[in-house]
Amino acid sequence: MLPREELLKGVENRDSVARVIDQAEQAIKTWEVVLTDFLSPPELAEIQRVFNRLTEVQLVAWGGYPQAERQRIAIARSELPLDQSQVSLVAVEIAGNFLFDTASHRDFLGAMLGTGIIREKTGDVIVLGERGAQAIVAPELVEFLEMSLKQVRSVPVKTQRIEVTELRVREPKKKELTTVEASLRLDAIASAGFGMSRSKMVDFIDAGDVRVNWKEVTQASSQVKSGDLIAIRSKGRLEVGEIAVTKKDRYRVQLTRYM
């Protein structure tokens, strides 16, 4: 079977990774495709990093649309065909008139969880402003939500299944910028990319609010490299692009900020 202790060495999301190892062993044993629950970006990144070392199994992650944050993983033996269509999920619309009582992502998610379902069975929630929201969920929840989710805040809602192709996903706004820095320290690059002072960025890093490639980093002096993704809770994401050394031995860094 899989080298469990070796795979779990040094991982942050130990329970999640251990659960997926169990599911991978099941997939190997039964020759069937096994599905995880929905996973958060840090869990997804760590699981994919851990399983990259293995040749026995393959993983495909999908959350309903390309930039979905929360995704399920389909796991199968390497010999079997596997693609996104085997990741089972459905979309629901939560429709109501929110013109006079605006609801946030937290409100919609809270109303869904208030029916008794668990977070692991829900993917992304896409807020549509005054018209309500759409959500991606595990298929077995649809009928229950259609019957149980009748109100969000003070607003009566109708919950019904829709096609995944009907999701109204907004392309993330992005801003391209270039900065020239004396070093590739995390605090220097991230403060330039997010447009804030270096001391403020250090506060975010010290507080554990900064992740690089979805891994929490608490050292302001950590070095970044091309291809890294820097995320700050509630502030968006920053992708590190091409890095070039100038004639004065400084670093010219291309950055893309997603908001």
C-alpha atoms as a PDB file:
ATOM      1  CA  MET A   1       0.000   0.000   0.000  1.00  0.00           C
ATOM      2  CA  LEU A   2       0.996   3.687  -0.038  1.00  0.00           C
ATOM      3  CA  PRO A   3       3.864   4.918   2.211  1.00  0.00           C
ATOM      4  CA  ARG A   4       1.533   6.804   4.560  1.00  0.00           C
ATOM      5  CA  GLU A   5       3.992   8.092   7.165  1.00  0.00           C
ATOM      6  CA  GLU A   6       6.448   9.248   4.517  1.00  0.00           C
ATOM      7  CA  LEU A   7       3.662  11.086   2.650  1.00  0.00           C
ATOM      8  CA  LEU A   8       2.396  12.753   5.831  1.00  0.00           C
ATOM      9  CA  LYS A   9       5.815  13.967   6.946  1.00  0.00           C
ATOM     10  CA  GLY A  10       5.765  17.749   7.408  1.00  0.00           C
ATOM     11  CA  VAL A  11       2.285  18.357   5.965  1.00  0.00           C
ATOM     12  CA  GLU A  12       0.117  21.167   7.377  1.00  0.00           C
ATOM     13  CA  ASN A  13      -3.322  19.748   6.584  1.00  0.00           C
ATOM     14  CA  ARG A  14      -2.621  16.326   8.074  1.00  0.00           C
ATOM     15  CA  ASP A  15      -6.237  15.164   8.534  1.00  0.00           C
ATOM     16  CA  SER A  16      -7.220  16.110   4.975  1.00  0.00           C
ATOM     17  CA  VAL A  17      -4.154  14.524   3.414  1.00  0.00           C
ATOM     18  CA  ALA A  18      -4.581  11.347   5.508  1.00  0.00           C
ATOM     19  CA  ARG A  19      -8.200  11.076   4.381  1.00  0.00           C
ATOM     20  CA  VAL A  20      -7.174  11.363   0.728  1.00  0.00           C
ATOM     21  CA  ILE A  21      -4.461   8.728   1.217  1.00  0.00           C
ATOM     22  CA  ASP A  22      -7.220   6.386   2.515  1.00  0.00           C
ATOM     23  CA  GLN A  23      -9.313   7.181  -0.554  1.00  0.00           C
ATOM     24  CA  ALA A  24      -6.347   6.632  -2.876  1.00  0.00           C
ATOM     25  CA  GLU A  25      -5.759   3.203  -1.341  1.00  0.00           C
ATOM     26  CA  GLN A  26      -9.440   2.438  -1.916  1.00  0.00           C
ATOM     27  CA  ALA A  27      -9.104   3.507  -5.570  1.00  0.00           C
ATOM     28  CA  ILE A  28      -6.065   1.243  -6.012  1.00  0.00           C
ATOM     29  CA  LYS A  29      -7.813  -1.705  -4.389  1.00  0.00           C
ATOM     30  CA  THR A  30     -11.218  -1.430  -6.115  1.00  0.00           C
ATOM     31  CA  TRP A  31     -10.119  -0.159  -9.570  1.00  0.00           C
ATOM     32  CA  GLU A  32     -12.857   2.495  -9.219  1.00  0.00           C
ATOM     33  CA  VAL A  33     -12.799   6.291  -9.337  1.00  0.00           C
ATOM     34  CA  VAL A  34     -13.061   7.669  -5.773  1.00  0.00           C
ATOM     35  CA  LEU A  35     -14.159  11.247  -5.042  1.00  0.00           C
ATOM     36  CA  THR A  36     -13.099  13.488  -2.184  1.00  0.00           C
ATOM     37  CA  ASP A  37     -15.317  16.139  -0.614  1.00  0.00           C
ATOM     38  CA  PHE A  38     -14.698  19.781  -1.574  1.00  0.00           C
ATOM     39  CA  LEU A  39     -11.263  20.976  -0.494  1.00  0.00           C
ATOM     40  CA  SER A  40      -9.915  24.468   0.192  1.00  0.00           C
ATOM     41  CA  PRO A  41      -7.036  25.919  -1.897  1.00  0.00           C
ATOM     42  CA  PRO A  42      -4.350  25.165   0.773  1.00  0.00           C
ATOM     43  CA  GLU A  43      -5.604  21.565   1.072  1.00  0.00           C
ATOM     44  CA  LEU A  44      -5.697  21.129  -2.712  1.00  0.00           C
ATOM     45  CA  ALA A  45      -2.184  22.498  -3.177  1.00  0.00           C
ATOM     46  CA  GLU A  46      -0.728  20.301  -0.444  1.00  0.00           C
ATOM     47  CA  ILE A  47      -2.513  17.147  -1.619  1.00  0.00           C
ATOM     48  CA  GLN A  48      -1.348  17.676  -5.197  1.00  0.00           C
ATOM     49  CA  ARG A  49       2.209  18.301  -3.962  1.00  0.00           C
ATOM     50  CA  VAL A  50       2.184  15.091  -1.874  1.00  0.00           C
ATOM     51  CA  PHE A  51       0.646  12.911  -4.594  1.00  0.00           C
ATOM     52  CA  ASN A  52       3.015  14.187  -7.317  1.00  0.00           C
ATOM     53  CA  ARG A  53       5.565  11.722  -5.922  1.00  0.00           C
ATOM     54  CA  LEU A  54       3.340   8.709  -6.612  1.00  0.00           C
ATOM     55  CA  THR A  55       3.053   6.739  -9.825  1.00  0.00           C
ATOM     56  CA  GLU A  56       0.302   4.346  -8.686  1.00  0.00           C
ATOM     57  CA  VAL A  57      -2.533   6.877  -8.717  1.00  0.00           C
ATOM     58  CA  GLN A  58      -3.631   9.987 -10.614  1.00  0.00           C
ATOM     59  CA  LEU A  59      -5.713  12.953  -9.443  1.00  0.00           C
ATOM     60  CA  VAL A  60      -8.018  15.348 -11.278  1.00  0.00           C
ATOM     61  CA  ALA A  61      -9.384  18.397  -9.427  1.00  0.00           C
ATOM     62  CA  TRP A  62     -12.450  20.363 -10.553  1.00  0.00           C
ATOM     63  CA  GLY A  63     -14.779  22.873  -8.939  1.00  0.00           C
ATOM     64  CA  GLY A  64     -17.273  23.651 -11.703  1.00  0.00           C
ATOM     65  CA  TYR A  65     -15.344  26.421 -13.489  1.00  0.00           C
ATOM     66  CA  PRO A  66     -11.638  27.062 -14.178  1.00  0.00           C
ATOM     67  CA  GLN A  67     -10.875  29.495 -11.344  1.00  0.00           C
ATOM     68  CA  ALA A  68     -13.023  27.788  -8.680  1.00  0.00           C
ATOM     69  CA  GLU A  69     -11.360  27.995  -5.269  1.00  0.00           C
ATOM     70  CA  ARG A  70     -12.984  24.965  -3.658  1.00  0.00           C
ATOM     71  CA  GLN A  71     -12.681  21.782  -5.675  1.00  0.00           C
ATOM     72  CA  ARG A  72     -13.263  18.052  -5.418  1.00  0.00           C
ATOM     73  CA  ILE A  73     -10.622  15.552  -6.481  1.00  0.00           C
ATOM     74  CA  ALA A  74     -11.273  12.381  -8.462  1.00  0.00           C
ATOM     75  CA  ILE A  75      -8.706   9.669  -7.685  1.00  0.00           C
ATOM     76  CA  ALA A  76      -8.041   6.613  -9.840  1.00  0.00           C
ATOM     77  CA  ARG A  77      -5.351   4.090 -10.615  1.00  0.00           C
ATOM     78  CA  SER A  78      -2.846   5.421 -13.155  1.00  0.00           C
ATOM     79  CA  GLU A  79      -3.956   2.824 -15.725  1.00  0.00           C
ATOM     80  CA  LEU A  80      -7.549   4.123 -15.866  1.00  0.00           C
ATOM     81  CA  PRO A  81      -8.869   7.032 -17.995  1.00  0.00           C
ATOM     82  CA  LEU A  82      -9.704  10.040 -15.815  1.00  0.00           C
ATOM     83  CA  ASP A  83     -10.971  13.546 -16.619  1.00  0.00           C
ATOM     84  CA  GLN A  84     -12.972  16.457 -15.156  1.00  0.00           C
ATOM     85  CA  SER A  85     -16.306  14.952 -16.218  1.00  0.00           C
ATOM     86  CA  GLN A  86     -15.842  12.281 -13.540  1.00  0.00           C
ATOM     87  CA  VAL A  87     -15.755  14.886 -10.752  1.00  0.00           C
ATOM     88  CA  SER A  88     -19.382  14.822  -9.682  1.00  0.00           C
ATOM     89  CA  LEU A  89     -20.877  18.188  -8.695  1.00  0.00           C
ATOM     90  CA  VAL A  90     -23.978  20.263  -9.415  1.00  0.00           C
ATOM     91  CA  ALA A  91     -24.977  23.928  -9.350  1.00  0.00           C
ATOM     92  CA  VAL A  92     -27.964  25.466  -7.567  1.00  0.00           C
ATOM     93  CA  GLU A  93     -29.470  28.928  -7.819  1.00  0.00           C
ATOM     94  CA  ILE A  94     -30.641  30.711  -4.663  1.00  0.00           C
ATOM     95  CA  ALA A  95     -33.020  33.291  -6.118  1.00  0.00           C
ATOM     96  CA  GLY A  96     -34.663  36.167  -4.240  1.00  0.00           C
ATOM     97  CA  ASN A  97     -35.054  39.946  -4.255  1.00  0.00           C
ATOM     98  CA  PHE A  98     -32.090  41.316  -2.308  1.00  0.00           C
ATOM     99  CA  LEU A  99     -32.529  44.908  -3.501  1.00  0.00           C
ATOM    100  CA  PHE A 100     -33.408  46.212  -0.013  1.00  0.00           C
ATOM    101  CA  ASP A 101     -31.538  43.668   2.118  1.00  0.00           C
ATOM    102  CA  THR A 102     -28.160  42.997   0.518  1.00  0.00           C
ATOM    103  CA  ALA A 103     -26.664  39.596   1.332  1.00  0.00           C
ATOM    104  CA  SER A 104     -22.951  38.745   1.327  1.00  0.00           C
ATOM    105  CA  HIS A 105     -21.082  35.526   0.582  1.00  0.00           C
ATOM    106  CA  ARG A 106     -21.060  34.857   4.341  1.00  0.00           C
ATOM    107  CA  ASP A 107     -24.865  35.273   4.506  1.00  0.00           C
ATOM    108  CA  PHE A 108     -25.524  32.764   1.713  1.00  0.00           C
ATOM    109  CA  LEU A 109     -23.024  30.255   3.031  1.00  0.00           C
ATOM    110  CA  GLY A 110     -24.381  30.675   6.581  1.00  0.00           C
ATOM    111  CA  ALA A 111     -27.953  30.056   5.382  1.00  0.00           C
ATOM    112  CA  MET A 112     -26.845  26.897   3.549  1.00  0.00           C
ATOM    113  CA  LEU A 113     -24.938  25.553   6.552  1.00  0.00           C
ATOM    114  CA  GLY A 114     -27.879  26.543   8.761  1.00  0.00           C
ATOM    115  CA  THR A 115     -29.955  23.839   7.048  1.00  0.00           C
ATOM    116  CA  GLY A 116     -27.642  21.248   8.613  1.00  0.00           C
ATOM    117  CA  ILE A 117     -25.278  20.451   5.740  1.00  0.00           C
ATOM    118  CA  ILE A 118     -21.500  20.466   6.254  1.00  0.00           C
ATOM    119  CA  ARG A 119     -18.973  22.789   4.589  1.00  0.00           C
ATOM    120  CA  GLU A 120     -17.105  19.902   2.969  1.00  0.00           C
ATOM    121  CA  LYS A 121     -20.132  19.188   0.754  1.00  0.00           C
ATOM    122  CA  THR A 122     -20.204  22.726  -0.665  1.00  0.00           C
ATOM    123  CA  GLY A 123     -17.943  24.357  -3.248  1.00  0.00           C
ATOM    124  CA  ASP A 124     -17.829  28.009  -4.262  1.00  0.00           C
ATOM    125  CA  VAL A 125     -20.697  30.443  -3.715  1.00  0.00           C
ATOM    126  CA  ILE A 126     -21.084  33.096  -6.436  1.00  0.00           C
ATOM    127  CA  VAL A 127     -22.993  36.170  -5.226  1.00  0.00           C
ATOM    128  CA  LEU A 128     -25.174  37.820  -7.893  1.00  0.00           C
ATOM    129  CA  GLY A 129     -26.034  41.022  -6.040  1.00  0.00           C
ATOM    130  CA  GLU A 130     -29.745  41.847  -5.776  1.00  0.00           C
ATOM    131  CA  ARG A 131     -30.765  38.641  -7.617  1.00  0.00           C
ATOM    132  CA  GLY A 132     -29.333  36.187  -5.081  1.00  0.00           C
ATOM    133  CA  ALA A 133     -26.515  33.692  -5.558  1.00  0.00           C
ATOM    134  CA  GLN A 134     -25.402  30.460  -7.156  1.00  0.00           C
ATOM    135  CA  ALA A 135     -23.586  27.649  -5.377  1.00  0.00           C
ATOM    136  CA  ILE A 136     -21.765  24.478  -6.314  1.00  0.00           C
ATOM    137  CA  VAL A 137     -22.558  21.453  -4.153  1.00  0.00           C
ATOM    138  CA  ALA A 138     -22.282  17.675  -3.988  1.00  0.00           C
ATOM    139  CA  PRO A 139     -25.142  16.089  -6.016  1.00  0.00           C
ATOM    140  CA  GLU A 140     -26.680  14.369  -2.995  1.00  0.00           C
ATOM    141  CA  LEU A 141     -27.491  17.763  -1.415  1.00  0.00           C
ATOM    142  CA  VAL A 142     -29.659  19.188  -4.192  1.00  0.00           C
ATOM    143  CA  GLU A 143     -33.074  17.863  -3.190  1.00  0.00           C
ATOM    144  CA  PHE A 144     -32.440  18.658   0.475  1.00  0.00           C
ATOM    145  CA  LEU A 145     -31.455  22.264  -0.298  1.00  0.00           C
ATOM    146  CA  GLU A 146     -34.436  22.722  -2.634  1.00  0.00           C
ATOM    147  CA  MET A 147     -36.712  21.740   0.257  1.00  0.00           C
ATOM    148  CA  SER A 148     -34.817  23.335   3.151  1.00  0.00           C
ATOM    149  CA  LEU A 149     -33.205  26.583   1.976  1.00  0.00           C
ATOM    150  CA  LYS A 150     -36.127  29.030   1.994  1.00  0.00           C
ATOM    151  CA  GLN A 151     -34.639  32.223   3.446  1.00  0.00           C
ATOM    152  CA  VAL A 152     -31.396  34.212   3.452  1.00  0.00           C
ATOM    153  CA  ARG A 153     -31.305  37.095   5.920  1.00  0.00           C
ATOM    154  CA  SER A 154     -34.897  38.435   5.796  1.00  0.00           C
ATOM    155  CA  VAL A 155     -35.405  37.507   2.145  1.00  0.00           C
ATOM    156  CA  PRO A 156     -37.506  34.516   1.004  1.00  0.00           C
ATOM    157  CA  VAL A 157     -35.605  32.491  -1.604  1.00  0.00           C
ATOM    158  CA  LYS A 158     -36.286  29.724  -4.066  1.00  0.00           C
ATOM    159  CA  THR A 159     -33.483  27.184  -4.372  1.00  0.00           C
ATOM    160  CA  GLN A 160     -33.314  25.038  -7.476  1.00  0.00           C
ATOM    161  CA  ARG A 161     -30.841  23.079  -9.541  1.00  0.00           C
ATOM    162  CA  ILE A 162     -29.357  24.721 -12.628  1.00  0.00           C
ATOM    163  CA  GLU A 163     -26.874  23.553 -15.246  1.00  0.00           C
ATOM    164  CA  VAL A 164     -23.223  24.159 -14.400  1.00  0.00           C
ATOM    165  CA  THR A 165     -23.005  26.001 -17.743  1.00  0.00           C
ATOM    166  CA  GLU A 166     -25.453  28.592 -16.318  1.00  0.00           C
ATOM    167  CA  LEU A 167     -23.000  29.738 -13.628  1.00  0.00           C
ATOM    168  CA  ARG A 168     -22.447  33.492 -13.922  1.00  0.00           C
ATOM    169  CA  VAL A 169     -18.788  33.577 -13.088  1.00  0.00           C
ATOM    170  CA  ARG A 170     -17.081  36.954 -13.185  1.00  0.00           C
ATOM    171  CA  GLU A 171     -13.577  36.905 -14.603  1.00  0.00           C
ATOM    172  CA  PRO A 172     -11.203  38.154 -11.885  1.00  0.00           C
ATOM    173  CA  LYS A 173      -9.950  41.700 -12.359  1.00  0.00           C
ATOM    174  CA  LYS A 174      -6.215  41.709 -12.881  1.00  0.00           C
ATOM    175  CA  LYS A 175      -3.535  44.353 -12.926  1.00  0.00           C
ATOM    176  CA  GLU A 176      -0.083  43.924 -14.458  1.00  0.00           C
ATOM    177  CA  LEU A 177       2.797  45.801 -12.850  1.00  0.00           C
ATOM    178  CA  THR A 178       6.587  45.842 -12.677  1.00  0.00           C
ATOM    179  CA  THR A 179       8.710  46.599  -9.639  1.00  0.00           C
ATOM    180  CA  VAL A 180      12.454  46.921  -9.144  1.00  0.00           C
ATOM    181  CA  GLU A 181      13.702  45.725  -5.749  1.00  0.00           C
ATOM    182  CA  ALA A 182      17.040  45.214  -4.004  1.00  0.00           C
ATOM    183  CA  SER A 183      16.074  41.658  -3.022  1.00  0.00           C
ATOM    184  CA  LEU A 184      13.444  38.955  -3.626  1.00  0.00           C
ATOM    185  CA  ARG A 185      12.251  39.006  -0.023  1.00  0.00           C
ATOM    186  CA  LEU A 186       8.579  38.229   0.429  1.00  0.00           C
ATOM    187  CA  ASP A 187       7.852  41.486   2.270  1.00  0.00           C
ATOM    188  CA  ALA A 188       9.477  43.577  -0.491  1.00  0.00           C
ATOM    189  CA  ILE A 189       7.775  41.893  -3.452  1.00  0.00           C
ATOM    190  CA  ALA A 190       4.367  41.527  -1.778  1.00  0.00           C
ATOM    191  CA  SER A 191       4.247  45.139  -0.509  1.00  0.00           C
ATOM    192  CA  ALA A 192       4.971  46.372  -4.041  1.00  0.00           C
ATOM    193  CA  GLY A 193       2.388  44.054  -5.592  1.00  0.00           C
ATOM    194  CA  PHE A 194      -0.389  44.792  -3.121  1.00  0.00           C
ATOM    195  CA  GLY A 195       0.398  48.528  -2.997  1.00  0.00           C
ATOM    196  CA  MET A 196       0.993  48.838   0.745  1.00  0.00           C
ATOM    197  CA  SER A 197       3.869  49.780   3.027  1.00  0.00           C
ATOM    198  CA  ARG A 198       6.484  47.189   3.858  1.00  0.00           C
ATOM    199  CA  SER A 199       5.749  47.466   7.598  1.00  0.00           C
ATOM    200  CA  LYS A 200       2.042  46.786   6.958  1.00  0.00           C
ATOM    201  CA  MET A 201       2.996  43.741   4.877  1.00  0.00           C
ATOM    202  CA  VAL A 202       5.219  42.480   7.699  1.00  0.00           C
ATOM    203  CA  ASP A 203       2.209  42.762  10.033  1.00  0.00           C
ATOM    204  CA  PHE A 204       0.175  40.539   7.667  1.00  0.00           C
ATOM    205  CA  ILE A 205       3.032  38.021   7.454  1.00  0.00           C
ATOM    206  CA  ASP A 206       3.522  37.949  11.237  1.00  0.00           C
ATOM    207  CA  ALA A 207      -0.216  37.418  11.733  1.00  0.00           C
ATOM    208  CA  GLY A 208      -0.166  34.296   9.526  1.00  0.00           C
ATOM    209  CA  ASP A 209      -2.385  35.922   6.882  1.00  0.00           C
ATOM    210  CA  VAL A 210       0.041  35.408   3.987  1.00  0.00           C
ATOM    211  CA  ARG A 211       0.393  32.207   1.976  1.00  0.00           C
ATOM    212  CA  VAL A 212       2.863  31.414  -0.768  1.00  0.00           C
ATOM    213  CA  ASN A 213       1.618  28.675  -3.086  1.00  0.00           C
ATOM    214  CA  TRP A 214      -1.101  28.212  -0.445  1.00  0.00           C
ATOM    215  CA  LYS A 215       1.432  27.398   2.261  1.00  0.00           C
ATOM    216  CA  GLU A 216       1.486  29.725   5.287  1.00  0.00           C
ATOM    217  CA  VAL A 217       4.725  31.726   5.456  1.00  0.00           C
ATOM    218  CA  THR A 218       5.608  33.694   8.596  1.00  0.00           C
ATOM    219  CA  GLN A 219       9.128  34.832   7.659  1.00  0.00           C
ATOM    220  CA  ALA A 220       9.230  38.235   5.967  1.00  0.00           C
ATOM    221  CA  SER A 221      12.707  37.382   4.670  1.00  0.00           C
ATOM    222  CA  SER A 222      11.497  34.308   2.722  1.00  0.00           C
ATOM    223  CA  GLN A 223      12.642  34.441  -0.902  1.00  0.00           C
ATOM    224  CA  VAL A 224      10.107  34.350  -3.735  1.00  0.00           C
ATOM    225  CA  LYS A 225      10.675  33.024  -7.244  1.00  0.00           C
ATOM    226  CA  SER A 226       9.062  33.189 -10.650  1.00  0.00           C
ATOM    227  CA  GLY A 227       5.755  31.286 -10.700  1.00  0.00           C
ATOM    228  CA  ASP A 228       4.987  31.783  -7.001  1.00  0.00           C
ATOM    229  CA  LEU A 229       1.445  32.714  -5.998  1.00  0.00           C
ATOM    230  CA  ILE A 230       1.152  35.022  -2.981  1.00  0.00           C
ATOM    231  CA  ALA A 231      -2.252  35.249  -1.313  1.00  0.00           C
ATOM    232  CA  ILE A 232      -3.386  37.511   1.520  1.00  0.00           C
ATOM    233  CA  ARG A 233      -6.658  36.826   3.266  1.00  0.00           C
ATOM    234  CA  SER A 234      -9.351  39.201   1.909  1.00  0.00           C
ATOM    235  CA  LYS A 235      -6.797  41.124  -0.220  1.00  0.00           C
ATOM    236  CA  GLY A 236      -6.572  38.907  -3.303  1.00  0.00           C
ATOM    237  CA  ARG A 237      -3.651  37.168  -4.962  1.00  0.00           C
ATOM    238  CA  LEU A 238      -0.384  38.100  -6.584  1.00  0.00           C
ATOM    239  CA  GLU A 239       1.438  36.021  -9.188  1.00  0.00           C
ATOM    240  CA  VAL A 240       5.184  36.448  -9.563  1.00  0.00           C
ATOM    241  CA  GLY A 241       6.138  36.511 -13.239  1.00  0.00           C
ATOM    242  CA  GLU A 242       9.469  36.946 -14.967  1.00  0.00           C
ATOM    243  CA  ILE A 243      12.422  38.075 -12.846  1.00  0.00           C
ATOM    244  CA  ALA A 244      15.425  39.835 -14.449  1.00  0.00           C
ATOM    245  CA  VAL A 245      18.597  41.272 -12.922  1.00  0.00           C
ATOM    246  CA  THR A 246      19.304  44.925 -13.795  1.00  0.00           C
ATOM    247  CA  LYS A 247      22.728  46.453 -14.532  1.00  0.00           C
ATOM    248  CA  LYS A 248      22.799  47.712 -10.947  1.00  0.00           C
ATOM    249  CA  ASP A 249      22.248  44.176  -9.597  1.00  0.00           C
ATOM    250  CA  ARG A 250      18.669  44.822  -8.575  1.00  0.00           C
ATOM    251  CA  TYR A 251      15.697  42.647  -9.464  1.00  0.00           C
ATOM    252  CA  ARG A 252      13.081  43.701 -12.014  1.00  0.00           C
ATOM    253  CA  VAL A 253       9.976  41.620 -11.247  1.00  0.00           C
ATOM    254  CA  GLN A 254       6.824  41.292 -13.370  1.00  0.00           C
ATOM    255  CA  LEU A 255       3.727  40.886 -11.182  1.00  0.00           C
ATOM    256  CA  THR A 256       0.063  40.153 -11.834  1.00  0.00           C
ATOM    257  CA  ARG A 257      -2.401  41.092  -9.129  1.00  0.00           C
ATOM    258  CA  TYR A 258      -5.818  39.380  -9.074  1.00  0.00           C
ATOM    259  CA  MET A 259      -8.589  41.225  -7.226  1.00  0.00           C
END
